[in-house]
């Protein structure tokens, strides 16, 4: 029997195309811009993850994908954001209250 690994081209694209895969996205402060780019590149290559997961900014992009938003729709939302759209400093456990950001999520999810 031939070695199945020997037939591989060594490209990630080919390996991902062999079957279902899960996309895990890390936390990254406001790195959801980069996560949107990764998702767009995968979708453009015809590689759609069977499952998605993430932490922090990665969870936002994973949630958007799971809710059915396309990478281009996510990019449109991200690039339309201005600081005043989500910046609501306050006292407490975090630097921002999060109410403005929560409203943005509610609008798009």
PDB file of N, CA and C in Angstrom:
ATOM      1  N   UNK A   1       0.850  -1.174   0.000  1.00  0.00           N
ATOM      2  CA  UNK A   1       0.000   0.000   0.000  1.00  0.00           C
ATOM      3  C   UNK A   1       0.897   1.239   0.000  1.00  0.00           C
ATOM      4  N   UNK A   2       0.513   2.205  -0.792  1.00  0.00           N
ATOM      5  CA  UNK A   2       1.295   3.446  -0.888  1.00  0.00           C
ATOM      6  C   UNK A   2       1.115   4.278   0.376  1.00  0.00           C
ATOM      7  N   UNK A   3       2.142   5.025   0.680  1.00  0.00           N
ATOM      8  CA  UNK A   3       2.095   5.923   1.834  1.00  0.00           C
ATOM      9  C   UNK A   3       1.213   7.122   1.482  1.00  0.00           C
ATOM     10  N   UNK A   4       0.072   7.331   2.173  1.00  0.00           N
ATOM     11  CA  UNK A   4      -0.820   8.447   1.827  1.00  0.00           C
ATOM     12  C   UNK A   4      -0.159   9.804   2.021  1.00  0.00           C
ATOM     13  N   UNK A   5       0.802   9.888   2.907  1.00  0.00           N
ATOM     14  CA  UNK A   5       1.476  11.173   3.126  1.00  0.00           C
ATOM     15  C   UNK A   5       2.397  11.524   1.962  1.00  0.00           C
ATOM     16  N   UNK A   6       2.872  10.521   1.274  1.00  0.00           N
ATOM     17  CA  UNK A   6       3.787  10.775   0.167  1.00  0.00           C
ATOM     18  C   UNK A   6       3.083  11.492  -0.983  1.00  0.00           C
ATOM     19  N   UNK A   7       1.771  11.311  -1.110  1.00  0.00           N
ATOM     20  CA  UNK A   7       1.014  11.927  -2.198  1.00  0.00           C
ATOM     21  C   UNK A   7       0.700  13.397  -1.928  1.00  0.00           C
ATOM     22  N   UNK A   8       0.866  13.835  -0.736  1.00  0.00           N
ATOM     23  CA  UNK A   8       0.548  15.222  -0.393  1.00  0.00           C
ATOM     24  C   UNK A   8       1.570  16.174  -0.991  1.00  0.00           C
ATOM     25  N   UNK A   9       1.089  17.336  -1.343  1.00  0.00           N
ATOM     26  CA  UNK A   9       1.972  18.329  -1.950  1.00  0.00           C
ATOM     27  C   UNK A   9       2.792  19.087  -0.922  1.00  0.00           C
ATOM     28  N   UNK A  10       2.401  19.012   0.326  1.00  0.00           N
ATOM     29  CA  UNK A  10       3.088  19.782   1.354  1.00  0.00           C
ATOM     30  C   UNK A  10       2.460  21.144   1.580  1.00  0.00           C
ATOM     31  N   UNK A  11       1.390  21.447   0.862  1.00  0.00           N
ATOM     32  CA  UNK A  11       0.705  22.728   1.033  1.00  0.00           C
ATOM     33  C   UNK A  11      -0.448  22.577   2.021  1.00  0.00           C
ATOM     34  N   UNK A  12      -0.582  23.542   2.892  1.00  0.00           N
ATOM     35  CA  UNK A  12      -1.672  23.531   3.868  1.00  0.00           C
ATOM     36  C   UNK A  12      -3.021  23.469   3.167  1.00  0.00           C
ATOM     37  N   UNK A  13      -3.159  24.180   2.064  1.00  0.00           N
ATOM     38  CA  UNK A  13      -4.406  24.201   1.292  1.00  0.00           C
ATOM     39  C   UNK A  13      -4.835  22.780   0.927  1.00  0.00           C
ATOM     40  N   UNK A  14      -3.898  21.965   0.471  1.00  0.00           N
ATOM     41  CA  UNK A  14      -4.226  20.598   0.072  1.00  0.00           C
ATOM     42  C   UNK A  14      -4.594  19.740   1.275  1.00  0.00           C
ATOM     43  N   UNK A  15      -3.881  19.926   2.357  1.00  0.00           N
ATOM     44  CA  UNK A  15      -4.163  19.156   3.571  1.00  0.00           C
ATOM     45  C   UNK A  15      -5.551  19.495   4.114  1.00  0.00           C
ATOM     46  N   UNK A  16      -5.887  20.782   4.166  1.00  0.00           N
ATOM     47  CA  UNK A  16      -7.208  21.180   4.654  1.00  0.00           C
ATOM     48  C   UNK A  16      -8.317  20.689   3.728  1.00  0.00           C
ATOM     49  N   UNK A  17      -8.022  20.607   2.450  1.00  0.00           N
ATOM     50  CA  UNK A  17      -9.015  20.164   1.488  1.00  0.00           C
ATOM     51  C   UNK A  17      -9.313  18.677   1.530  1.00  0.00           C
ATOM     52  N   UNK A  18      -8.525  17.910   2.275  1.00  0.00           N
ATOM     53  CA  UNK A  18      -8.725  16.464   2.358  1.00  0.00           C
ATOM     54  C   UNK A  18      -9.949  16.065   3.165  1.00  0.00           C
ATOM     55  N   UNK A  19     -10.453  16.938   3.989  1.00  0.00           N
ATOM     56  CA  UNK A  19     -11.608  16.561   4.787  1.00  0.00           C
ATOM     57  C   UNK A  19     -12.015  17.678   5.710  1.00  0.00           C
ATOM     58  N   UNK A  20     -13.000  17.435   6.544  1.00  0.00           N
ATOM     59  CA  UNK A  20     -13.457  18.489   7.457  1.00  0.00           C
ATOM     60  C   UNK A  20     -12.325  18.941   8.381  1.00  0.00           C
ATOM     61  N   UNK A  21     -12.318  20.225   8.673  1.00  0.00           N
ATOM     62  CA  UNK A  21     -11.332  20.765   9.604  1.00  0.00           C
ATOM     63  C   UNK A  21     -11.998  21.791  10.508  1.00  0.00           C
ATOM     64  N   UNK A  22     -11.367  22.025  11.649  1.00  0.00           N
ATOM     65  CA  UNK A  22     -11.836  23.006  12.620  1.00  0.00           C
ATOM     66  C   UNK A  22     -10.890  24.194  12.601  1.00  0.00           C
ATOM     67  N   UNK A  23     -11.454  25.387  12.604  1.00  0.00           N
ATOM     68  CA  UNK A  23     -10.670  26.615  12.652  1.00  0.00           C
ATOM     69  C   UNK A  23     -10.720  27.161  14.073  1.00  0.00           C
ATOM     70  N   UNK A  24      -9.569  27.253  14.724  1.00  0.00           N
ATOM     71  CA  UNK A  24      -9.466  27.810  16.076  1.00  0.00           C
ATOM     72  C   UNK A  24      -8.744  29.147  15.979  1.00  0.00           C
ATOM     73  N   UNK A  25      -9.368  30.198  16.496  1.00  0.00           N
ATOM     74  CA  UNK A  25      -8.828  31.555  16.417  1.00  0.00           C
ATOM     75  C   UNK A  25      -8.469  32.049  17.810  1.00  0.00           C
ATOM     76  N   UNK A  26      -7.290  32.610  17.934  1.00  0.00           N
ATOM     77  CA  UNK A  26      -6.762  33.018  19.237  1.00  0.00           C
ATOM     78  C   UNK A  26      -7.316  34.361  19.696  1.00  0.00           C
ATOM     79  N   UNK A  27      -7.025  34.667  20.941  1.00  0.00           N
ATOM     80  CA  UNK A  27      -7.313  36.011  21.446  1.00  0.00           C
ATOM     81  C   UNK A  27      -6.262  36.939  20.847  1.00  0.00           C
ATOM     82  N   UNK A  28      -6.632  38.196  20.643  1.00  0.00           N
ATOM     83  CA  UNK A  28      -5.670  39.084  19.982  1.00  0.00           C
ATOM     84  C   UNK A  28      -6.066  40.548  20.081  1.00  0.00           C
ATOM     85  N   UNK A  29      -6.620  40.964  21.206  1.00  0.00           N
ATOM     86  CA  UNK A  29      -7.046  42.343  21.415  1.00  0.00           C
ATOM     87  C   UNK A  29      -7.968  42.737  20.275  1.00  0.00           C
ATOM     88  N   UNK A  30      -7.604  43.648  19.415  1.00  0.00           N
ATOM     89  CA  UNK A  30      -8.442  44.001  18.270  1.00  0.00           C
ATOM     90  C   UNK A  30      -7.955  43.302  17.005  1.00  0.00           C
ATOM     91  N   UNK A  31      -7.454  42.092  17.151  1.00  0.00           N
ATOM     92  CA  UNK A  31      -6.933  41.331  16.026  1.00  0.00           C
ATOM     93  C   UNK A  31      -8.001  40.675  15.183  1.00  0.00           C
ATOM     94  N   UNK A  32      -9.266  41.012  15.440  1.00  0.00           N
ATOM     95  CA  UNK A  32     -10.294  40.390  14.610  1.00  0.00           C
ATOM     96  C   UNK A  32     -10.149  40.808  13.152  1.00  0.00           C
ATOM     97  N   UNK A  33      -9.429  41.888  12.882  1.00  0.00           N
ATOM     98  CA  UNK A  33      -9.141  42.257  11.492  1.00  0.00           C
ATOM     99  C   UNK A  33      -8.328  41.151  10.825  1.00  0.00           C
ATOM    100  N   UNK A  34      -7.311  40.669  11.510  1.00  0.00           N
ATOM    101  CA  UNK A  34      -6.484  39.585  10.966  1.00  0.00           C
ATOM    102  C   UNK A  34      -7.287  38.296  10.855  1.00  0.00           C
ATOM    103  N   UNK A  35      -8.113  38.015  11.851  1.00  0.00           N
ATOM    104  CA  UNK A  35      -8.937  36.807  11.809  1.00  0.00           C
ATOM    105  C   UNK A  35      -9.905  36.853  10.630  1.00  0.00           C
ATOM    106  N   UNK A  36     -10.468  38.018  10.346  1.00  0.00           N
ATOM    107  CA  UNK A  36     -11.347  38.166   9.175  1.00  0.00           C
ATOM    108  C   UNK A  36     -10.570  37.872   7.897  1.00  0.00           C
ATOM    109  N   UNK A  37      -9.321  38.312   7.845  1.00  0.00           N
ATOM    110  CA  UNK A  37      -8.487  38.055   6.671  1.00  0.00           C
ATOM    111  C   UNK A  37      -8.194  36.582   6.476  1.00  0.00           C
ATOM    112  N   UNK A  38      -7.926  35.881   7.564  1.00  0.00           N
ATOM    113  CA  UNK A  38      -7.692  34.430   7.483  1.00  0.00           C
ATOM    114  C   UNK A  38      -8.951  33.733   6.983  1.00  0.00           C
ATOM    115  N   UNK A  39     -10.101  34.101   7.546  1.00  0.00           N
ATOM    116  CA  UNK A  39     -11.364  33.493   7.121  1.00  0.00           C
ATOM    117  C   UNK A  39     -11.622  33.779   5.643  1.00  0.00           C
ATOM    118  N   UNK A  40     -11.368  35.006   5.209  1.00  0.00           N
ATOM    119  CA  UNK A  40     -11.581  35.363   3.802  1.00  0.00           C
ATOM    120  C   UNK A  40     -10.683  34.534   2.889  1.00  0.00           C
ATOM    121  N   UNK A  41      -9.415  34.377   3.259  1.00  0.00           N
ATOM    122  CA  UNK A  41      -8.484  33.591   2.440  1.00  0.00           C
ATOM    123  C   UNK A  41      -8.938  32.136   2.335  1.00  0.00           C
ATOM    124  N   UNK A  42      -9.397  31.574   3.448  1.00  0.00           N
ATOM    125  CA  UNK A  42      -9.884  30.194   3.419  1.00  0.00           C
ATOM    126  C   UNK A  42     -11.109  30.063   2.516  1.00  0.00           C
ATOM    127  N   UNK A  43     -12.074  30.964   2.681  1.00  0.00           N
ATOM    128  CA  UNK A  43     -13.301  30.897   1.891  1.00  0.00           C
ATOM    129  C   UNK A  43     -13.005  31.095   0.404  1.00  0.00           C
ATOM    130  N   UNK A  44     -12.110  32.028   0.079  1.00  0.00           N
ATOM    131  CA  UNK A  44     -11.750  32.265  -1.322  1.00  0.00           C
ATOM    132  C   UNK A  44     -11.099  31.038  -1.949  1.00  0.00           C
ATOM    133  N   UNK A  45     -10.419  30.236  -1.137  1.00  0.00           N
ATOM    134  CA  UNK A  45      -9.791  29.002  -1.618  1.00  0.00           C
ATOM    135  C   UNK A  45     -10.770  27.831  -1.614  1.00  0.00           C
ATOM    136  N   UNK A  46     -12.026  28.090  -1.242  1.00  0.00           N
ATOM    137  CA  UNK A  46     -13.028  27.032  -1.186  1.00  0.00           C
ATOM    138  C   UNK A  46     -12.906  26.146   0.033  1.00  0.00           C
ATOM    139  N   UNK A  47     -12.216  26.628   1.054  1.00  0.00           N
ATOM    140  CA  UNK A  47     -11.998  25.858   2.281  1.00  0.00           C
ATOM    141  C   UNK A  47     -12.851  26.447   3.398  1.00  0.00           C
ATOM    142  N   UNK A  48     -13.969  25.797   3.673  1.00  0.00           N
ATOM    143  CA  UNK A  48     -14.889  26.269   4.702  1.00  0.00           C
ATOM    144  C   UNK A  48     -14.788  25.333   5.900  1.00  0.00           C
ATOM    145  N   UNK A  49     -14.439  25.871   7.080  1.00  0.00           N
ATOM    146  CA  UNK A  49     -14.294  24.999   8.250  1.00  0.00           C
ATOM    147  C   UNK A  49     -15.618  24.351   8.649  1.00  0.00           C
ATOM    148  N   UNK A  50     -15.521  23.098   9.099  1.00  0.00           N
ATOM    149  CA  UNK A  50     -16.704  22.393   9.589  1.00  0.00           C
ATOM    150  C   UNK A  50     -17.117  22.926  10.956  1.00  0.00           C
ATOM    151  N   UNK A  51     -16.124  23.350  11.743  1.00  0.00           N
ATOM    152  CA  UNK A  51     -16.360  23.898  13.079  1.00  0.00           C
ATOM    153  C   UNK A  51     -15.440  25.086  13.278  1.00  0.00           C
ATOM    154  N   UNK A  52     -15.877  26.013  14.117  1.00  0.00           N
ATOM    155  CA  UNK A  52     -15.050  27.170  14.458  1.00  0.00           C
ATOM    156  C   UNK A  52     -15.068  27.366  15.966  1.00  0.00           C
ATOM    157  N   UNK A  53     -13.957  27.852  16.490  1.00  0.00           N
ATOM    158  CA  UNK A  53     -13.885  28.188  17.906  1.00  0.00           C
ATOM    159  C   UNK A  53     -12.926  29.351  18.049  1.00  0.00           C
ATOM    160  N   UNK A  54     -12.974  30.003  19.189  1.00  0.00           N
ATOM    161  CA  UNK A  54     -12.063  31.112  19.388  1.00  0.00           C
ATOM    162  C   UNK A  54     -12.137  31.654  20.793  1.00  0.00           C
ATOM    163  N   UNK A  55     -11.176  32.498  21.096  1.00  0.00           N
ATOM    164  CA  UNK A  55     -11.115  33.185  22.385  1.00  0.00           C
ATOM    165  C   UNK A  55     -11.023  34.675  22.108  1.00  0.00           C
ATOM    166  N   UNK A  56     -11.749  35.458  22.872  1.00  0.00           N
ATOM    167  CA  UNK A  56     -11.705  36.911  22.786  1.00  0.00           C
ATOM    168  C   UNK A  56     -12.030  37.365  21.364  1.00  0.00           C
ATOM    169  N   UNK A  57     -11.124  38.081  20.706  1.00  0.00           N
ATOM    170  CA  UNK A  57     -11.382  38.548  19.342  1.00  0.00           C
ATOM    171  C   UNK A  57     -11.629  37.372  18.400  1.00  0.00           C
ATOM    172  N   UNK A  58     -10.938  36.265  18.632  1.00  0.00           N
ATOM    173  CA  UNK A  58     -11.163  35.071  17.826  1.00  0.00           C
ATOM    174  C   UNK A  58     -12.567  34.523  17.995  1.00  0.00           C
ATOM    175  N   UNK A  59     -13.119  34.642  19.194  1.00  0.00           N
ATOM    176  CA  UNK A  59     -14.484  34.185  19.439  1.00  0.00           C
ATOM    177  C   UNK A  59     -15.493  35.059  18.700  1.00  0.00           C
ATOM    178  N   UNK A  60     -15.193  36.351  18.566  1.00  0.00           N
ATOM    179  CA  UNK A  60     -16.088  37.238  17.812  1.00  0.00           C
ATOM    180  C   UNK A  60     -16.170  36.801  16.352  1.00  0.00           C
ATOM    181  N   UNK A  61     -15.029  36.519  15.757  1.00  0.00           N
ATOM    182  CA  UNK A  61     -15.010  36.092  14.358  1.00  0.00           C
ATOM    183  C   UNK A  61     -15.612  34.695  14.223  1.00  0.00           C
ATOM    184  N   UNK A  62     -15.288  33.788  15.139  1.00  0.00           N
ATOM    185  CA  UNK A  62     -15.870  32.447  15.104  1.00  0.00           C
ATOM    186  C   UNK A  62     -17.389  32.523  15.236  1.00  0.00           C
ATOM    187  N   UNK A  63     -17.874  33.370  16.128  1.00  0.00           N
ATOM    188  CA  UNK A  63     -19.316  33.546  16.290  1.00  0.00           C
ATOM    189  C   UNK A  63     -19.966  34.116  15.047  1.00  0.00           C
ATOM    190  N   UNK A  64     -19.286  35.064  14.406  1.00  0.00           N
ATOM    191  CA  UNK A  64     -19.818  35.650  13.176  1.00  0.00           C
ATOM    192  C   UNK A  64     -19.912  34.595  12.074  1.00  0.00           C
ATOM    193  N   UNK A  65     -18.871  33.781  11.942  1.00  0.00           N
ATOM    194  CA  UNK A  65     -18.903  32.705  10.947  1.00  0.00           C
ATOM    195  C   UNK A  65     -20.018  31.714  11.261  1.00  0.00           C
ATOM    196  N   UNK A  66     -20.133  31.338  12.532  1.00  0.00           N
ATOM    197  CA  UNK A  66     -21.156  30.373  12.937  1.00  0.00           C
ATOM    198  C   UNK A  66     -22.562  30.921  12.720  1.00  0.00           C
ATOM    199  N   UNK A  67     -22.718  32.250  12.807  1.00  0.00           N
ATOM    200  CA  UNK A  67     -24.042  32.845  12.617  1.00  0.00           C
ATOM    201  C   UNK A  67     -24.391  33.017  11.141  1.00  0.00           C
ATOM    202  N   UNK A  68     -23.425  32.738  10.263  1.00  0.00           N
ATOM    203  CA  UNK A  68     -23.702  32.803   8.838  1.00  0.00           C
ATOM    204  C   UNK A  68     -23.153  34.017   8.115  1.00  0.00           C
ATOM    205  N   UNK A  69     -22.482  34.912   8.836  1.00  0.00           N
ATOM    206  CA  UNK A  69     -21.876  36.057   8.160  1.00  0.00           C
ATOM    207  C   UNK A  69     -20.712  35.581   7.298  1.00  0.00           C
ATOM    208  N   UNK A  70     -20.592  36.141   6.120  1.00  0.00           N
ATOM    209  CA  UNK A  70     -19.454  35.809   5.262  1.00  0.00           C
ATOM    210  C   UNK A  70     -18.249  36.641   5.691  1.00  0.00           C
ATOM    211  N   UNK A  71     -17.051  36.202   5.333  1.00  0.00           N
ATOM    212  CA  UNK A  71     -15.871  37.008   5.664  1.00  0.00           C
ATOM    213  C   UNK A  71     -15.942  38.423   5.094  1.00  0.00           C
ATOM    214  N   UNK A  72     -16.514  38.589   3.908  1.00  0.00           N
ATOM    215  CA  UNK A  72     -16.606  39.943   3.345  1.00  0.00           C
ATOM    216  C   UNK A  72     -17.587  40.801   4.135  1.00  0.00           C
ATOM    217  N   UNK A  73     -18.672  40.203   4.626  1.00  0.00           N
ATOM    218  CA  UNK A  73     -19.602  40.956   5.479  1.00  0.00           C
ATOM    219  C   UNK A  73     -18.928  41.353   6.790  1.00  0.00           C
ATOM    220  N   UNK A  74     -18.138  40.429   7.352  1.00  0.00           N
ATOM    221  CA  UNK A  74     -17.417  40.748   8.587  1.00  0.00           C
ATOM    222  C   UNK A  74     -16.428  41.882   8.354  1.00  0.00           C
ATOM    223  N   UNK A  75     -15.721  41.840   7.238  1.00  0.00           N
ATOM    224  CA  UNK A  75     -14.753  42.895   6.930  1.00  0.00           C
ATOM    225  C   UNK A  75     -15.456  44.240   6.788  1.00  0.00           C
ATOM    226  N   UNK A  76     -16.610  44.249   6.135  1.00  0.00           N
ATOM    227  CA  UNK A  76     -17.369  45.500   5.989  1.00  0.00           C
ATOM    228  C   UNK A  76     -17.719  46.081   7.353  1.00  0.00           C
ATOM    229  N   UNK A  77     -18.155  45.228   8.267  1.00  0.00           N
ATOM    230  CA  UNK A  77     -18.511  45.677   9.618  1.00  0.00           C
ATOM    231  C   UNK A  77     -17.276  46.209  10.336  1.00  0.00           C
ATOM    232  N   UNK A  78     -16.187  45.453  10.293  1.00  0.00           N
ATOM    233  CA  UNK A  78     -14.955  45.851  10.992  1.00  0.00           C
ATOM    234  C   UNK A  78     -14.417  47.182  10.482  1.00  0.00           C
ATOM    235  N   UNK A  79     -14.355  47.337   9.163  1.00  0.00           N
ATOM    236  CA  UNK A  79     -13.760  48.550   8.604  1.00  0.00           C
ATOM    237  C   UNK A  79     -14.675  49.761   8.730  1.00  0.00           C
ATOM    238  N   UNK A  80     -15.957  49.532   8.982  1.00  0.00           N
ATOM    239  CA  UNK A  80     -16.882  50.649   9.180  1.00  0.00           C
ATOM    240  C   UNK A  80     -16.845  51.163  10.620  1.00  0.00           C
ATOM    241  N   UNK A  81     -16.255  50.388  11.539  1.00  0.00           N
ATOM    242  CA  UNK A  81     -16.208  50.789  12.945  1.00  0.00           C
ATOM    243  C   UNK A  81     -15.261  51.962  13.159  1.00  0.00           C
ATOM    244  N   UNK A  82     -15.711  52.885  13.945  1.00  0.00           N
ATOM    245  CA  UNK A  82     -14.858  53.983  14.400  1.00  0.00           C
ATOM    246  C   UNK A  82     -14.763  53.886  15.917  1.00  0.00           C
ATOM    247  N   UNK A  83     -13.727  54.450  16.465  1.00  0.00           N
ATOM    248  CA  UNK A  83     -13.500  54.338  17.906  1.00  0.00           C
ATOM    249  C   UNK A  83     -14.722  54.771  18.711  1.00  0.00           C
ATOM    250  N   UNK A  84     -15.360  55.849  18.317  1.00  0.00           N
ATOM    251  CA  UNK A  84     -16.506  56.350  19.085  1.00  0.00           C
ATOM    252  C   UNK A  84     -17.698  55.383  19.039  1.00  0.00           C
ATOM    253  N   UNK A  85     -17.691  54.442  18.089  1.00  0.00           N
ATOM    254  CA  UNK A  85     -18.775  53.467  18.003  1.00  0.00           C
ATOM    255  C   UNK A  85     -18.769  52.483  19.166  1.00  0.00           C
ATOM    256  N   UNK A  86     -17.591  52.220  19.734  1.00  0.00           N
ATOM    257  CA  UNK A  86     -17.506  51.215  20.799  1.00  0.00           C
ATOM    258  C   UNK A  86     -16.808  51.710  22.060  1.00  0.00           C
ATOM    259  N   UNK A  87     -16.252  52.900  22.038  1.00  0.00           N
ATOM    260  CA  UNK A  87     -15.441  53.392  23.155  1.00  0.00           C
ATOM    261  C   UNK A  87     -16.345  53.969  24.232  1.00  0.00           C
ATOM    262  N   UNK A  88     -16.522  53.237  25.318  1.00  0.00           N
ATOM    263  CA  UNK A  88     -17.333  53.709  26.446  1.00  0.00           C
ATOM    264  C   UNK A  88     -16.625  53.394  27.768  1.00  0.00           C
ATOM    265  N   UNK A  89     -15.577  54.179  28.094  1.00  0.00           N
ATOM    266  CA  UNK A  89     -14.816  53.920  29.319  1.00  0.00           C
ATOM    267  C   UNK A  89     -15.691  54.031  30.567  1.00  0.00           C
ATOM    268  N   UNK A  90     -15.329  53.262  31.550  1.00  0.00           N
ATOM    269  CA  UNK A  90     -16.060  53.309  32.809  1.00  0.00           C
ATOM    270  C   UNK A  90     -15.262  52.657  33.918  1.00  0.00           C
ATOM    271  N   UNK A  91     -15.742  52.809  35.105  1.00  0.00           N
ATOM    272  CA  UNK A  91     -15.110  52.191  36.267  1.00  0.00           C
ATOM    273  C   UNK A  91     -15.594  50.758  36.395  1.00  0.00           C
ATOM    274  N   UNK A  92     -14.780  49.924  36.969  1.00  0.00           N
ATOM    275  CA  UNK A  92     -15.201  48.543  37.175  1.00  0.00           C
ATOM    276  C   UNK A  92     -14.110  47.564  36.815  1.00  0.00           C
ATOM    277  N   UNK A  93     -14.524  46.383  36.350  1.00  0.00           N
ATOM    278  CA  UNK A  93     -13.576  45.300  36.101  1.00  0.00           C
ATOM    279  C   UNK A  93     -12.796  45.464  34.804  1.00  0.00           C
ATOM    280  N   UNK A  94     -13.318  46.186  33.854  1.00  0.00           N
ATOM    281  CA  UNK A  94     -12.632  46.378  32.582  1.00  0.00           C
ATOM    282  C   UNK A  94     -12.489  47.846  32.269  1.00  0.00           C
ATOM    283  N   UNK A  95     -11.655  48.136  31.290  1.00  0.00           N
ATOM    284  CA  UNK A  95     -11.426  49.525  30.916  1.00  0.00           C
ATOM    285  C   UNK A  95     -12.654  50.115  30.230  1.00  0.00           C
ATOM    286  N   UNK A  96     -13.368  49.295  29.464  1.00  0.00           N
ATOM    287  CA  UNK A  96     -14.581  49.746  28.783  1.00  0.00           C
ATOM    288  C   UNK A  96     -15.799  49.076  29.408  1.00  0.00           C
ATOM    289  N   UNK A  97     -16.915  49.784  29.384  1.00  0.00           N
ATOM    290  CA  UNK A  97     -18.160  49.201  29.899  1.00  0.00           C
ATOM    291  C   UNK A  97     -18.636  48.056  29.006  1.00  0.00           C
ATOM    292  N   UNK A  98     -18.474  48.233  27.698  1.00  0.00           N
ATOM    293  CA  UNK A  98     -18.870  47.188  26.760  1.00  0.00           C
ATOM    294  C   UNK A  98     -20.282  47.310  26.235  1.00  0.00           C
ATOM    295  N   UNK A  99     -21.029  48.306  26.706  1.00  0.00           N
ATOM    296  CA  UNK A  99     -22.426  48.436  26.265  1.00  0.00           C
ATOM    297  C   UNK A  99     -22.521  48.803  24.787  1.00  0.00           C
ATOM    298  N   UNK A 100     -21.651  49.689  24.334  1.00  0.00           N
ATOM    299  CA  UNK A 100     -21.669  50.064  22.919  1.00  0.00           C
ATOM    300  C   UNK A 100     -21.280  48.874  22.039  1.00  0.00           C
ATOM    301  N   UNK A 101     -20.268  48.138  22.465  1.00  0.00           N
ATOM    302  CA  UNK A 101     -19.828  46.987  21.686  1.00  0.00           C
ATOM    303  C   UNK A 101     -20.903  45.906  21.672  1.00  0.00           C
ATOM    304  N   UNK A 102     -21.570  45.729  22.788  1.00  0.00           N
ATOM    305  CA  UNK A 102     -22.664  44.768  22.870  1.00  0.00           C
ATOM    306  C   UNK A 102     -23.789  45.143  21.906  1.00  0.00           C
ATOM    307  N   UNK A 103     -24.065  46.426  21.784  1.00  0.00           N
ATOM    308  CA  UNK A 103     -25.099  46.888  20.850  1.00  0.00           C
ATOM    309  C   UNK A 103     -24.699  46.587  19.406  1.00  0.00           C
ATOM    310  N   UNK A 104     -23.420  46.749  19.097  1.00  0.00           N
ATOM    311  CA  UNK A 104     -22.933  46.433  17.746  1.00  0.00           C
ATOM    312  C   UNK A 104     -23.124  44.944  17.461  1.00  0.00           C
ATOM    313  N   UNK A 105     -22.769  44.105  18.424  1.00  0.00           N
ATOM    314  CA  UNK A 105     -22.936  42.661  18.246  1.00  0.00           C
ATOM    315  C   UNK A 105     -24.407  42.305  18.059  1.00  0.00           C
ATOM    316  N   UNK A 106     -25.274  42.910  18.870  1.00  0.00           N
ATOM    317  CA  UNK A 106     -26.703  42.647  18.759  1.00  0.00           C
ATOM    318  C   UNK A 106     -27.267  43.039  17.401  1.00  0.00           C
ATOM    319  N   UNK A 107     -26.723  44.082  16.835  1.00  0.00           N
ATOM    320  CA  UNK A 107     -27.188  44.563  15.527  1.00  0.00           C
ATOM    321  C   UNK A 107     -26.824  43.591  14.404  1.00  0.00           C
ATOM    322  N   UNK A 108     -25.662  42.966  14.501  1.00  0.00           N
ATOM    323  CA  UNK A 108     -25.165  42.152  13.393  1.00  0.00           C
ATOM    324  C   UNK A 108     -25.335  40.650  13.575  1.00  0.00           C
ATOM    325  N   UNK A 109     -25.604  40.206  14.797  1.00  0.00           N
ATOM    326  CA  UNK A 109     -25.779  38.770  15.015  1.00  0.00           C
ATOM    327  C   UNK A 109     -27.243  38.473  15.138  1.00  0.00           C
TER     328      UNK A 109
END
